Protein backbone atom coordinates (compact mmCIF):
# COMPACT_ATOMS: atom_id res chain seq x y z
CA MET A 1 104.05 -13.81 -33.40
CA LYS A 2 100.28 -13.34 -33.47
CA LYS A 3 99.04 -12.75 -29.96
CA ILE A 4 100.71 -14.48 -27.07
CA LYS A 5 99.79 -18.11 -27.64
CA TYR A 6 101.39 -21.25 -26.38
CA ILE A 7 101.78 -24.87 -27.40
CA PHE A 8 101.91 -28.09 -25.50
CA LEU A 9 105.56 -29.00 -25.61
CA SER A 10 106.99 -32.46 -26.15
CA LEU A 11 109.56 -33.48 -23.60
CA GLY A 12 110.57 -36.34 -25.86
CA SER A 13 113.14 -34.04 -27.43
CA LEU A 14 114.34 -30.79 -25.89
CA ILE A 15 114.91 -28.67 -28.97
CA LEU A 16 118.10 -26.62 -28.93
CA ILE A 17 117.35 -24.22 -31.76
CA SER A 18 116.40 -20.55 -31.78
CA SER A 19 113.03 -20.45 -33.47
CA CYS A 20 109.74 -18.77 -32.65
CA SER A 21 107.51 -21.06 -34.73
CA ASP A 22 106.54 -22.99 -31.59
CA ALA A 23 104.96 -19.84 -30.11
CA LEU A 24 101.86 -20.73 -32.08
CA ASP A 25 99.09 -22.70 -30.38
CA ILE A 26 99.41 -25.98 -32.29
CA VAL A 27 99.13 -29.47 -30.83
CA GLN A 28 101.40 -31.78 -32.78
CA LYS A 29 101.26 -35.55 -33.10
CA GLY A 30 103.20 -37.20 -30.27
CA GLU A 31 102.92 -34.22 -27.90
CA ILE A 32 101.98 -34.87 -24.32
CA TYR A 33 99.50 -33.14 -22.09
CA ARG A 34 99.77 -31.30 -18.82
CA ALA A 35 99.28 -34.25 -16.49
CA ASP A 36 102.17 -36.09 -18.15
CA ALA A 37 104.54 -33.18 -18.68
CA PHE A 38 106.55 -32.95 -15.49
CA LYS A 39 106.95 -35.51 -12.75
CA THR A 40 110.32 -34.72 -11.15
CA VAL A 41 112.55 -31.79 -10.40
CA ALA A 42 114.91 -33.18 -13.04
CA ASP A 43 112.09 -32.74 -15.60
CA LEU A 44 111.77 -29.10 -14.63
CA ARG A 45 115.52 -28.58 -14.89
CA GLY A 46 115.61 -30.30 -18.27
CA PHE A 47 112.89 -28.04 -19.64
CA LEU A 48 114.59 -24.96 -18.21
CA VAL A 49 117.93 -25.76 -19.80
CA GLY A 50 116.69 -27.19 -23.08
CA ASP A 51 113.73 -24.95 -23.84
CA ILE A 52 114.26 -21.68 -21.98
CA TYR A 53 118.01 -21.03 -21.67
CA SER A 54 118.46 -22.19 -25.23
CA ARG A 55 116.28 -19.32 -26.41
CA VAL A 56 117.67 -16.49 -24.26
CA ASN A 57 119.59 -14.16 -26.54
CA ASN A 58 120.11 -10.58 -27.63
CA THR A 59 121.05 -11.31 -31.25
CA THR A 60 118.28 -9.14 -32.64
CA GLU A 61 119.21 -6.24 -30.38
CA ILE A 62 122.82 -6.45 -31.54
CA ALA A 63 121.93 -6.70 -35.22
CA PHE A 64 119.26 -3.98 -35.19
CA THR A 65 121.29 -1.54 -33.11
CA SER A 66 124.51 -1.97 -35.12
CA ILE A 67 122.73 -1.44 -38.46
CA PHE A 68 120.30 1.30 -37.50
CA THR A 69 122.68 3.52 -35.56
CA ASP A 70 126.30 4.36 -36.34
CA GLU A 71 128.18 1.12 -35.63
CA VAL A 72 128.44 -0.22 -39.18
CA GLY A 73 128.92 0.86 -42.77
CA ILE A 74 128.22 -0.88 -46.08
CA GLY A 75 130.91 -3.47 -46.78
CA PRO A 76 132.49 -4.64 -50.06
CA SER A 77 130.39 -7.82 -50.33
CA ASN A 78 127.07 -6.09 -49.82
CA GLY A 79 124.41 -7.04 -52.33
CA GLY A 80 121.63 -5.12 -50.66
CA GLN A 81 121.78 -6.68 -47.21
CA ALA A 82 120.36 -4.43 -44.44
CA LYS A 83 120.40 -1.30 -46.61
CA GLU A 84 116.79 -0.35 -45.91
CA LEU A 85 117.28 -0.50 -42.15
CA HIS A 86 120.64 1.25 -42.46
CA ARG A 87 118.85 4.07 -44.24
CA PHE A 88 116.35 4.36 -41.35
CA GLN A 89 113.50 2.58 -43.11
CA LEU A 90 111.74 1.17 -40.08
CA ASN A 91 108.05 0.27 -39.86
CA ALA A 92 105.66 -2.28 -38.39
CA ASN A 93 106.48 -4.74 -41.15
CA SER A 94 110.23 -4.63 -40.58
CA ASP A 95 111.78 -7.93 -39.57
CA GLU A 96 113.72 -6.65 -36.56
CA PRO A 97 110.85 -5.51 -34.29
CA SER A 98 109.00 -8.75 -35.04
CA ALA A 99 112.06 -10.84 -34.23
CA LEU A 100 112.76 -8.99 -30.97
CA TRP A 101 109.10 -9.23 -29.91
CA SER A 102 108.91 -12.92 -30.77
CA THR A 103 112.23 -13.83 -29.15
CA HIS A 104 111.37 -12.43 -25.78
CA TYR A 105 107.74 -13.45 -25.71
CA THR A 106 108.78 -16.98 -26.59
CA VAL A 107 111.02 -16.97 -23.47
CA ILE A 108 108.13 -15.52 -21.44
CA ASN A 109 105.74 -18.12 -22.85
CA ARG A 110 108.09 -20.98 -21.93
CA VAL A 111 108.61 -19.64 -18.39
CA ASN A 112 104.87 -19.31 -17.90
CA ARG A 113 104.42 -22.91 -19.02
CA LEU A 114 107.14 -24.07 -16.61
CA LEU A 115 105.58 -22.19 -13.71
CA GLU A 116 102.16 -23.70 -14.45
CA PHE A 117 103.53 -27.22 -14.65
CA ALA A 118 105.72 -26.86 -11.55
CA ASP A 119 102.81 -27.57 -9.22
CA LEU A 120 102.70 -31.11 -10.66
CA VAL A 121 106.09 -31.86 -9.10
CA VAL A 122 105.61 -32.81 -5.48
CA THR A 123 108.75 -32.62 -3.34
CA THR A 124 109.11 -34.85 -0.27
CA ASN A 125 112.26 -33.41 1.29
CA ALA A 126 114.03 -30.12 1.79
CA THR A 127 116.73 -30.88 -0.79
CA ASP A 128 114.23 -31.43 -3.58
CA LEU A 129 112.21 -28.38 -2.55
CA ALA A 130 115.32 -26.20 -2.69
CA ALA A 131 116.22 -27.61 -6.10
CA LYS A 132 112.71 -26.96 -7.39
CA ASN A 133 112.72 -23.40 -6.09
CA ALA A 134 116.09 -22.83 -7.70
CA VAL A 135 114.67 -23.83 -11.09
CA LEU A 136 111.74 -21.46 -10.62
CA ALA A 137 114.10 -18.71 -9.51
CA GLU A 138 116.21 -18.99 -12.66
CA ALA A 139 113.14 -19.11 -14.87
CA ARG A 140 111.56 -16.05 -13.28
CA ALA A 141 114.84 -14.09 -13.55
CA LEU A 142 114.95 -14.90 -17.28
CA ARG A 143 111.35 -13.79 -17.69
CA ALA A 144 112.20 -10.52 -15.96
CA TYR A 145 115.14 -9.97 -18.27
CA SER A 146 112.95 -10.47 -21.35
CA TYR A 147 110.44 -7.94 -20.02
CA ILE A 148 113.21 -5.39 -19.43
CA GLN A 149 114.26 -5.74 -23.07
CA LEU A 150 110.69 -5.46 -24.35
CA VAL A 151 109.85 -2.33 -22.33
CA SER A 152 113.16 -0.70 -23.26
CA PHE A 153 112.63 -1.05 -26.99
CA PHE A 154 108.85 -0.81 -27.29
CA SER A 155 107.89 1.82 -24.72
CA VAL A 156 108.15 5.46 -25.80
CA ASP A 157 109.49 6.36 -22.35
CA PRO A 158 110.70 3.45 -20.18
CA ALA A 159 111.48 5.88 -17.35
CA ASN A 160 107.83 6.95 -17.10
CA PRO A 161 105.84 4.46 -15.01
CA ASN A 162 102.58 5.65 -16.59
CA ALA A 163 103.76 5.35 -20.18
CA LEU A 164 102.39 2.55 -22.32
CA GLY A 165 104.49 -0.58 -22.02
CA VAL A 166 103.99 -4.01 -23.54
CA ILE A 167 101.64 -6.97 -23.04
CA LEU A 168 101.64 -8.47 -19.56
CA SER A 169 101.40 -12.24 -19.56
CA THR A 170 101.82 -14.57 -16.59
CA THR A 171 99.45 -17.40 -17.53
CA VAL A 172 99.14 -20.01 -20.25
CA ASP A 173 96.31 -19.65 -22.72
CA LYS A 174 94.13 -22.68 -23.24
CA PRO A 175 94.04 -24.34 -26.66
CA ASN A 176 91.65 -22.80 -29.17
CA LEU A 177 90.80 -19.92 -26.87
CA VAL A 178 91.48 -16.54 -28.39
CA ILE A 179 92.58 -13.92 -25.88
CA ASP A 180 93.35 -10.41 -27.14
CA ARG A 181 95.48 -8.59 -24.60
CA PRO A 182 96.12 -4.82 -24.58
CA ARG A 183 99.39 -3.19 -23.63
CA VAL A 184 99.63 -2.10 -20.01
CA SER A 185 101.54 0.66 -18.23
CA ASN A 186 105.24 0.34 -17.63
CA GLN A 187 104.54 0.25 -13.90
CA LEU A 188 102.56 -2.98 -14.18
CA ILE A 189 105.41 -4.56 -16.15
CA TYR A 190 107.95 -3.31 -13.59
CA ASP A 191 105.82 -4.69 -10.74
CA LEU A 192 106.09 -8.16 -12.31
CA ILE A 193 109.80 -7.74 -12.91
CA GLU A 194 110.34 -6.69 -9.29
CA SER A 195 108.33 -9.73 -8.08
CA ASP A 196 110.29 -12.08 -10.31
CA PHE A 197 113.65 -10.72 -9.17
CA ALA A 198 112.65 -10.77 -5.52
CA PHE A 199 111.69 -14.42 -5.79
CA ALA A 200 114.83 -15.23 -7.72
CA GLN A 201 117.11 -13.46 -5.26
CA ALA A 202 115.44 -15.24 -2.34
CA TYR A 203 115.54 -18.77 -3.71
CA LEU A 204 118.62 -18.93 -5.92
CA PRO A 205 121.43 -20.52 -3.88
CA ALA A 206 124.69 -18.68 -3.46
CA THR A 207 126.45 -21.75 -4.80
CA ALA A 208 124.99 -21.01 -8.25
CA THR A 209 128.05 -19.31 -9.80
CA ASN A 210 128.24 -20.65 -13.39
CA TYR A 211 128.14 -17.53 -15.56
CA LYS A 212 126.23 -19.30 -18.31
CA PHE A 213 123.29 -19.70 -15.95
CA VAL A 214 121.40 -17.25 -13.73
CA THR A 215 123.38 -16.25 -10.66
CA GLN A 216 122.94 -13.63 -8.00
CA LYS A 217 125.29 -11.45 -10.04
CA PHE A 218 122.99 -11.83 -13.06
CA ILE A 219 120.02 -10.64 -10.99
CA ASP A 220 121.96 -7.66 -9.62
CA ALA A 221 123.19 -6.70 -13.08
CA ALA A 222 119.74 -6.94 -14.66
CA ARG A 223 118.26 -4.84 -11.87
CA ALA A 224 121.02 -2.27 -12.25
CA ARG A 225 120.26 -1.96 -15.99
CA MET A 226 116.53 -1.72 -15.33
CA TYR A 227 116.95 1.02 -12.73
CA ILE A 228 119.35 3.09 -14.81
CA TYR A 229 116.81 2.97 -17.66
CA ARG A 230 114.21 4.15 -15.18
CA LYS A 231 116.57 6.92 -13.94
CA ASP A 232 116.44 5.57 -10.41
CA TYR A 233 120.04 6.34 -9.62
CA VAL A 234 119.93 5.23 -5.99
CA LYS A 235 118.83 1.68 -6.78
CA ALA A 236 120.90 1.49 -9.96
CA LYS A 237 123.98 2.25 -7.86
CA GLN A 238 123.01 -0.28 -5.23
CA TYR A 239 122.66 -3.14 -7.70
CA ALA A 240 125.53 -2.16 -9.99
CA THR A 241 127.81 -2.09 -6.96
CA ALA A 242 126.64 -5.57 -5.99
CA ALA A 243 127.00 -6.93 -9.54
CA THR A 244 130.35 -5.56 -10.62
CA GLY A 245 133.70 -7.20 -10.25
CA ALA A 246 137.19 -6.68 -11.59
CA LEU A 247 137.57 -5.44 -15.16
CA SER A 248 139.48 -7.70 -17.54
CA THR A 249 142.95 -6.39 -18.30
CA ALA A 250 144.03 -5.66 -21.82
CA ASN A 251 145.97 -8.94 -21.83
CA THR A 252 142.96 -11.08 -20.95
CA TYR A 253 140.14 -9.11 -22.58
CA ASN A 254 140.32 -10.78 -25.97
CA GLY A 255 140.10 -14.26 -24.52
CA MET A 256 136.62 -13.48 -23.23
CA TRP A 257 135.36 -12.56 -26.71
CA GLY A 258 136.77 -15.77 -28.17
CA ASP A 259 135.04 -17.77 -25.40
CA ALA A 260 138.36 -19.00 -24.02
CA ALA A 261 137.65 -17.50 -20.59
CA GLN A 262 134.89 -15.91 -18.57
CA GLY A 263 136.85 -12.75 -18.05
CA GLU A 264 134.62 -9.94 -16.79
CA CYS A 265 131.49 -11.51 -18.19
CA ILE A 266 128.64 -11.67 -15.70
CA PHE A 267 126.35 -13.74 -17.90
CA ALA A 268 126.72 -15.27 -21.33
CA ALA A 269 124.07 -17.07 -23.33
CA SER A 270 125.91 -20.20 -24.38
CA ARG A 271 126.20 -20.85 -28.11
CA PRO A 272 128.21 -24.10 -28.46
CA SER A 273 129.49 -25.47 -31.70
CA GLY A 274 127.14 -27.74 -33.56
CA GLY A 275 123.39 -27.58 -33.97
CA THR A 276 121.48 -24.83 -35.69
CA TRP A 277 122.16 -21.95 -33.36
CA SER A 278 122.18 -18.51 -34.90
CA ASN A 279 125.66 -17.11 -35.52
CA ILE A 280 126.09 -13.59 -34.22
CA SER A 281 128.73 -12.58 -36.78
CA SER A 282 126.43 -13.57 -39.65
CA THR A 283 124.90 -10.15 -38.89
CA TRP A 284 127.86 -8.71 -40.82
CA TYR A 285 129.49 -11.59 -42.77
CA PHE A 286 128.67 -14.44 -45.06
CA ASN A 287 131.66 -16.69 -44.31
CA LEU A 288 134.47 -15.42 -42.05
CA THR A 289 135.21 -12.37 -39.93
CA SER A 290 137.71 -10.93 -42.40
CA ALA A 291 137.87 -8.40 -45.19
CA THR A 292 137.52 -11.20 -47.74
CA GLY A 293 135.12 -13.35 -45.76
CA GLY A 294 131.94 -12.03 -47.34
CA CYS A 295 131.97 -8.78 -45.39
CA PHE A 296 128.69 -7.10 -46.30
CA LEU A 297 128.77 -4.74 -43.30
CA ASP A 298 131.93 -3.39 -41.71
CA MET A 299 132.71 -1.03 -38.84
CA GLY A 300 131.35 2.48 -39.16
CA ARG A 301 134.15 4.94 -40.00
CA ASN A 302 133.51 7.34 -37.14
CA LEU A 303 133.50 4.48 -34.64
CA PHE A 304 136.77 3.16 -36.09
CA ASN A 305 138.27 6.64 -35.83
CA LEU A 306 137.51 6.66 -32.10
CA TYR A 307 139.60 3.53 -31.62
CA ASP A 308 142.25 4.57 -34.12
CA GLN A 309 143.19 7.59 -32.01
CA PHE A 310 144.61 5.21 -29.37
CA PRO A 311 146.82 2.51 -30.93
CA ASN A 312 147.58 1.08 -27.45
CA ASP A 313 143.87 0.39 -26.85
CA VAL A 314 143.14 -3.34 -26.98
CA ARG A 315 139.85 -2.56 -28.70
CA ARG A 316 141.72 -1.07 -31.64
CA ALA A 317 144.10 -3.96 -31.74
CA THR A 318 141.54 -6.77 -31.68
CA TRP A 319 138.07 -5.58 -32.65
CA ILE A 320 139.20 -4.62 -36.16
CA ASP A 321 140.42 -7.73 -37.91
CA ALA A 322 144.05 -7.87 -39.03
CA THR A 323 142.88 -8.09 -42.67
CA ALA A 324 141.50 -4.54 -42.51
CA MET A 325 142.27 -2.24 -45.40
CA VAL A 326 142.58 1.23 -43.94
CA ASP A 327 142.54 3.89 -46.66
CA PRO A 328 143.98 7.22 -45.44
CA ALA A 329 142.20 8.94 -48.34
CA TYR A 330 138.86 7.22 -47.71
CA ALA A 331 136.97 10.51 -47.57
CA THR A 332 137.87 11.42 -51.14
CA ASN A 333 138.37 8.03 -52.76
CA PHE A 334 135.51 7.21 -55.12
CA TYR A 335 136.04 3.51 -54.42
CA TYR A 336 136.01 3.82 -50.63
CA VAL A 337 133.71 0.82 -50.17
CA THR A 338 136.40 -1.55 -51.47
CA THR A 339 139.53 0.37 -50.44
CA ASP A 340 138.52 1.17 -46.85
CA VAL A 341 137.33 -2.11 -45.34
CA LEU A 342 137.12 -2.31 -41.55
CA PRO A 343 136.13 -5.89 -40.59
CA ILE A 344 134.41 -6.26 -37.19
CA ASN A 345 136.24 -8.80 -35.05
CA LYS A 346 134.49 -8.46 -31.69
CA TYR A 347 133.07 -11.95 -32.16
CA PRO A 348 136.01 -13.86 -33.71
CA GLY A 349 134.16 -17.17 -33.83
CA LYS A 350 134.82 -20.65 -32.53
CA THR A 351 137.25 -23.09 -34.15
CA SER A 352 134.55 -25.15 -35.83
CA GLN A 353 131.97 -22.33 -36.06
CA PRO A 354 133.79 -19.25 -37.40
CA LEU A 355 130.79 -16.87 -37.05
CA ARG A 356 129.56 -18.10 -33.67
CA ASN A 357 130.31 -16.94 -30.14
CA ASP A 358 128.57 -16.89 -26.80
CA LEU A 359 126.40 -13.79 -26.30
CA LYS A 360 127.70 -11.61 -23.49
CA LEU A 361 124.48 -10.12 -22.04
CA PHE A 362 126.03 -8.54 -18.93
CA ARG A 363 129.62 -7.46 -18.25
CA ASN A 364 131.43 -5.66 -15.43
CA SER A 365 132.28 -2.72 -17.67
CA GLU A 366 128.60 -1.95 -18.19
CA MET A 367 128.15 -1.92 -14.41
CA VAL A 368 131.09 0.51 -14.04
CA LEU A 369 129.54 2.83 -16.61
CA ILE A 370 126.17 2.58 -14.83
CA LEU A 371 127.92 3.63 -11.64
CA ALA A 372 129.38 6.62 -13.51
CA GLU A 373 125.88 7.63 -14.61
CA CYS A 374 124.71 7.35 -11.03
CA GLU A 375 127.42 9.75 -9.86
CA VAL A 376 126.30 12.35 -12.40
CA GLY A 377 122.56 11.82 -11.99
CA SER A 378 122.43 11.66 -8.20
CA ALA A 379 120.91 14.32 -6.03
CA THR A 380 124.43 15.43 -5.17
CA PRO A 381 126.44 14.93 -8.38
CA ASN A 382 130.05 13.84 -8.02
CA LEU A 383 131.66 14.57 -11.37
CA ALA A 384 135.16 13.62 -10.17
CA ALA A 385 133.95 10.16 -9.12
CA ALA A 386 132.29 9.74 -12.51
CA ALA A 387 135.53 10.71 -14.26
CA ALA A 388 137.52 8.18 -12.20
CA LEU A 389 135.07 5.41 -13.17
CA VAL A 390 135.27 6.24 -16.87
CA ARG A 391 139.05 6.36 -16.68
CA SER A 392 139.10 2.92 -15.05
CA ILE A 393 137.57 1.46 -18.23
CA ARG A 394 140.09 3.23 -20.45
CA THR A 395 143.00 2.18 -18.27
CA ALA A 396 141.90 -1.47 -18.27
CA ARG A 397 141.80 -1.42 -22.09
CA THR A 398 145.30 0.09 -22.46
CA PHE A 399 148.14 -2.41 -22.98
CA ALA A 400 151.09 0.03 -23.10
CA ASN A 401 152.04 3.47 -21.83
CA PRO A 402 150.96 6.19 -21.81
CA LEU A 403 147.92 5.47 -19.70
CA PRO A 404 144.81 7.57 -20.36
CA ALA A 405 144.50 10.88 -18.54
CA LEU A 406 141.82 11.46 -15.92
CA PRO A 407 139.01 13.43 -17.64
CA VAL A 408 137.88 16.67 -16.05
CA TYR A 409 134.22 17.57 -16.43
CA GLY A 410 133.26 21.24 -16.23
CA ASN A 411 129.58 20.43 -15.89
CA ALA A 412 127.10 17.57 -15.94
CA GLN A 413 126.54 17.81 -19.69
CA ALA A 414 130.27 17.21 -20.30
CA ALA A 415 130.14 14.17 -18.00
CA TRP A 416 127.08 12.72 -19.73
CA ALA A 417 128.78 13.24 -23.11
CA ASP A 418 131.91 11.40 -22.02
CA ILE A 419 129.93 8.54 -20.50
CA LEU A 420 127.93 8.23 -23.70
CA LEU A 421 131.20 8.27 -25.67
CA GLU A 422 132.73 5.52 -23.55
CA ARG A 423 129.56 3.42 -23.75
CA ARG A 424 129.75 3.80 -27.52
CA LYS A 425 133.32 2.50 -27.58
CA GLU A 426 133.13 -0.17 -24.89
CA LEU A 427 129.66 -1.62 -25.59
CA ALA A 428 129.71 -1.43 -29.40
CA PHE A 429 128.06 -4.43 -31.08
CA GLU A 430 126.40 -5.51 -27.84
CA GLY A 431 122.99 -3.98 -28.50
CA HIS A 432 123.21 -0.81 -26.39
CA ARG A 433 123.78 2.14 -28.72
CA TYR A 434 120.16 2.62 -29.85
CA LEU A 435 118.85 2.75 -26.32
CA ASP A 436 121.79 4.85 -25.10
CA ILE A 437 121.05 7.53 -27.67
CA LYS A 438 117.36 7.41 -26.78
CA ARG A 439 117.97 7.95 -23.09
CA LEU A 440 121.26 9.87 -22.85
CA ALA A 441 121.78 11.94 -26.00
CA ALA A 442 119.69 14.90 -24.85
CA LEU A 443 121.59 15.04 -21.52
CA ALA A 444 124.87 14.91 -23.45
CA GLY A 445 124.12 17.98 -25.57
CA ASN A 446 121.97 16.34 -28.26
CA GLN A 447 124.65 13.92 -29.41
CA GLY A 448 122.84 11.31 -31.42
CA ILE A 449 123.72 9.04 -34.32
CA THR A 450 127.01 10.26 -35.88
CA ARG A 451 127.82 8.48 -39.12
CA ASP A 452 130.50 9.21 -41.65
CA ASN A 453 129.39 9.97 -45.18
CA THR A 454 131.25 6.88 -46.35
CA ASP A 455 129.15 4.54 -44.16
CA ASP A 456 126.86 4.05 -47.15
CA ASP A 457 127.80 3.04 -50.68
CA ILE A 458 125.79 5.97 -52.01
CA VAL A 459 126.97 9.30 -50.67
CA ASP A 460 124.65 11.81 -49.03
CA GLN A 461 122.42 9.21 -47.45
CA PRO A 462 120.87 10.33 -44.14
CA LEU A 463 123.57 10.48 -41.47
CA THR A 464 121.41 10.97 -38.37
CA LEU A 465 117.92 11.20 -36.96
CA ALA A 466 116.46 13.91 -34.82
CA LEU A 467 116.38 12.79 -31.19
CA SER A 468 112.64 13.47 -31.18
CA ASP A 469 112.10 11.06 -34.11
CA TYR A 470 109.44 8.42 -33.43
CA ARG A 471 111.82 5.73 -34.74
CA PHE A 472 113.74 5.80 -31.48
CA THR A 473 110.94 3.57 -30.24
CA LEU A 474 110.26 0.31 -32.08
CA PRO A 475 106.88 -0.30 -33.68
CA ILE A 476 104.59 -3.04 -32.41
CA PRO A 477 104.96 -5.72 -35.13
CA GLN A 478 102.22 -5.75 -37.76
CA SER A 479 101.69 -9.47 -37.16
CA GLU A 480 100.69 -8.65 -33.58
CA ILE A 481 98.51 -5.71 -34.66
CA ALA A 482 96.70 -7.90 -37.19
CA GLY A 483 95.91 -10.64 -34.70
CA ASN A 484 95.26 -8.57 -31.59
CA VAL A 485 92.49 -6.01 -31.89
CA ASN A 486 93.13 -4.60 -28.43
CA ILE A 487 96.78 -3.68 -28.89
CA GLN A 488 97.84 -0.08 -29.54
CA GLN A 489 100.55 0.90 -32.00
CA ASN A 490 103.28 3.36 -31.06
CA PRO A 491 103.08 6.95 -32.38
CA GLY A 492 104.36 7.57 -35.89
CA TYR A 493 103.76 4.10 -37.25
């Protein structure tokens, strides 16, 4: 996406596809202008649902993180897919930074357009005013979420308020007017996020409880994630406590991933069957989530080994497809790529869309693990409380005795290491691992990417990166650099 430009959007058809082409400043035939865009609160709601919610997703985060870290290995149907990124070849021309940048700035652009147009809708009674404010609350919460994602991936140090962040945009550019915006400090981005969340929390009604839309729980969860990334353990604990609910049991956990039930999901970006939505499992498969379904990336061996230690763990039972071919001699078998196939089944697909599932952006288990971090990172660390929280995740995922033992941490480093381990297991293929290594690995005794030698189809490929490596921050996309003379690239690129 070159610069942050906007188009005049047609309300004649609310497009339900995930594309960033409309981020360009082009006026198409048949498009309508500002004075005609919104007349009623229903118009605002229609734009919010059709053109903002429809573009909220973390597909790029999931794909990039799984490939770049230690969540996947090269599968038997691989014809070159993702190998460069898997071998740590990351630069300003790579697709993933551009896609992540474009995805979230498209959401931000749409929200800004909605906020600008909202003043055209005049309300004449308290009911309509409340409904209008609810639309604005949801939109601003989604803008805040997109900014959290951008800062987390593109700032060298998201915890440093003075570090360079991303581009701050709250207004709509006028047609044919070139505006080159520089990056601003993280603090200025966080100020906007705080303002958006404060508005959203104030004006979103408590009756808004549908987990596929913004709720008070969504706001609390997003704030908890933001504060843990900023190492503000007091506020992270406050909001994680408010956001979290009961963990899904082992018997109900799988239904959540197949979209049969909400389970412990706090917010899911809906991806219904039909249309041209992106399919999350196409990150790893051509056809089906099975060993013979065009599996070009499968589960990383070391990650599989973590699950395989505990056969009564629901994650071992369901996240590796039943068609898996587990080779006990994988480490010495020359043909390990075809004899040791570990198909990822975390997103089992819908009946009519076998590679598609709703995107679970926030879950209760993430909040529990945030609370565990808060216990270790607080001014008065409580390692026993952290251990109990970690064990609660493991217990919830166990479907038969014996139940997991309570961990005992001799020091803070041991606690950080176990939290990082459980985040690796519980949040795999949800877009967390890259950021978790970036922010927690040093605290956990320098535990970074840990691949098995068989995760590539050519042995002796790089298995890890130094934690100081510049590639633990994404590059500003070259398309943005080329079109924005005032933007600064991240170090190393």
